[in-house]
């Protein structure tokens, strides 16, 4: 989880239009890590703006493959809900 947060922090690009407009807040994204570790079915559960939502989806889809979840030793699909925060720095 720590590596995922670091990846997002390093790869998230705050949309310029949202910076100029002072848009701040959280985009809540849900996605599935499938049995092979690939990320798919990325959905916005709670959006902020069209451009921030699009960027949140882009950064989640660009994440490297994960180690798949297992149930009784068998790889299974696992759903994750992830808040991605867009915060302006002073």
Protein backbone atom coordinates (compact mmCIF):
# COMPACT_ATOMS: atom_id res chain seq x y z
CA UNK A 1 0.00 0.00 0.00
CA UNK A 2 2.87 2.36 0.79
CA UNK A 3 4.41 1.72 -2.62
CA UNK A 4 1.06 2.44 -4.28
CA UNK A 5 0.75 5.78 -2.48
CA UNK A 6 4.33 6.68 -3.41
CA UNK A 7 3.65 5.76 -7.06
CA UNK A 8 0.55 7.97 -7.14
CA UNK A 9 2.35 10.89 -5.46
CA UNK A 10 5.21 10.67 -7.98
CA UNK A 11 3.02 10.23 -11.08
CA UNK A 12 -0.10 12.32 -10.42
CA UNK A 13 -0.20 15.46 -12.55
CA UNK A 14 -2.43 18.15 -11.08
CA UNK A 15 -4.41 19.55 -14.04
CA UNK A 16 -3.32 23.14 -14.73
CA UNK A 17 -6.90 24.34 -15.22
CA UNK A 18 -7.81 23.04 -11.76
CA UNK A 19 -4.75 24.67 -10.21
CA UNK A 20 -5.71 27.98 -11.81
CA UNK A 21 -9.32 27.63 -10.63
CA UNK A 22 -8.24 26.67 -7.11
CA UNK A 23 -9.97 23.28 -7.35
CA UNK A 24 -9.02 21.04 -4.42
CA UNK A 25 -10.48 17.90 -2.98
CA UNK A 26 -10.66 14.16 -3.30
CA UNK A 27 -11.52 11.81 -6.14
CA UNK A 28 -12.63 8.36 -4.96
CA UNK A 29 -11.72 5.63 -7.42
CA UNK A 30 -12.66 1.95 -7.41
CA UNK A 31 -10.78 -0.65 -9.41
CA UNK A 32 -10.16 -4.37 -9.57
CA UNK A 33 -6.86 -6.20 -9.40
CA UNK A 34 -7.56 -9.35 -11.38
CA UNK A 35 -6.21 -12.87 -10.86
CA UNK A 36 -3.13 -12.04 -12.95
CA UNK A 37 -2.38 -8.79 -11.08
CA UNK A 38 -3.61 -6.46 -13.83
CA UNK A 39 -5.63 -3.37 -12.90
CA UNK A 40 -8.98 -2.96 -14.61
CA UNK A 41 -12.55 -1.73 -14.33
CA UNK A 42 -11.48 1.69 -13.01
CA UNK A 43 -14.53 3.72 -11.93
CA UNK A 44 -15.04 7.11 -10.31
CA UNK A 45 -17.22 6.73 -7.21
CA UNK A 46 -16.99 10.39 -6.18
CA UNK A 47 -15.63 12.96 -8.59
CA UNK A 48 -14.15 16.41 -8.21
CA UNK A 49 -13.92 17.86 -11.73
CA UNK A 50 -13.79 16.34 -15.20
CA UNK A 51 -10.04 16.94 -15.48
CA UNK A 52 -9.14 15.73 -11.96
CA UNK A 53 -11.34 12.65 -12.44
CA UNK A 54 -9.64 11.89 -15.76
CA UNK A 55 -6.19 12.28 -14.19
CA UNK A 56 -7.10 10.00 -11.27
CA UNK A 57 -8.22 7.28 -13.70
CA UNK A 58 -5.07 7.76 -15.81
CA UNK A 59 -2.70 7.37 -12.86
CA UNK A 60 -4.51 4.27 -11.53
CA UNK A 61 -4.51 2.65 -14.99
CA UNK A 62 -0.79 3.38 -15.36
CA UNK A 63 0.18 1.54 -12.16
CA UNK A 64 2.38 -1.51 -12.65
CA UNK A 65 0.86 -4.95 -12.15
CA UNK A 66 0.16 -5.98 -8.58
CA UNK A 67 0.66 -9.28 -6.82
CA UNK A 68 -2.83 -10.79 -7.08
CA UNK A 69 -4.92 -11.43 -3.99
CA UNK A 70 -5.43 -15.02 -2.92
CA UNK A 71 -8.24 -16.91 -1.24
CA UNK A 72 -7.22 -20.31 0.13
CA UNK A 73 -4.07 -20.10 -1.99
CA UNK A 74 -6.01 -19.48 -5.23
CA UNK A 75 -5.59 -16.12 -7.03
CA UNK A 76 -8.81 -14.09 -7.01
CA UNK A 77 -10.06 -10.71 -8.23
CA UNK A 78 -9.88 -8.05 -5.52
CA UNK A 79 -11.67 -4.69 -5.54
CA UNK A 80 -9.98 -1.60 -4.09
CA UNK A 81 -11.43 1.78 -3.25
CA UNK A 82 -8.83 4.52 -3.25
CA UNK A 83 -9.07 8.23 -2.43
CA UNK A 84 -6.79 10.41 -4.55
CA UNK A 85 -6.30 13.88 -3.07
CA UNK A 86 -5.71 16.98 -5.15
CA UNK A 87 -4.33 19.68 -2.84
CA UNK A 88 -2.75 22.97 -3.84
CA UNK A 89 0.57 23.83 -2.22
CA UNK A 90 0.99 27.33 -0.85
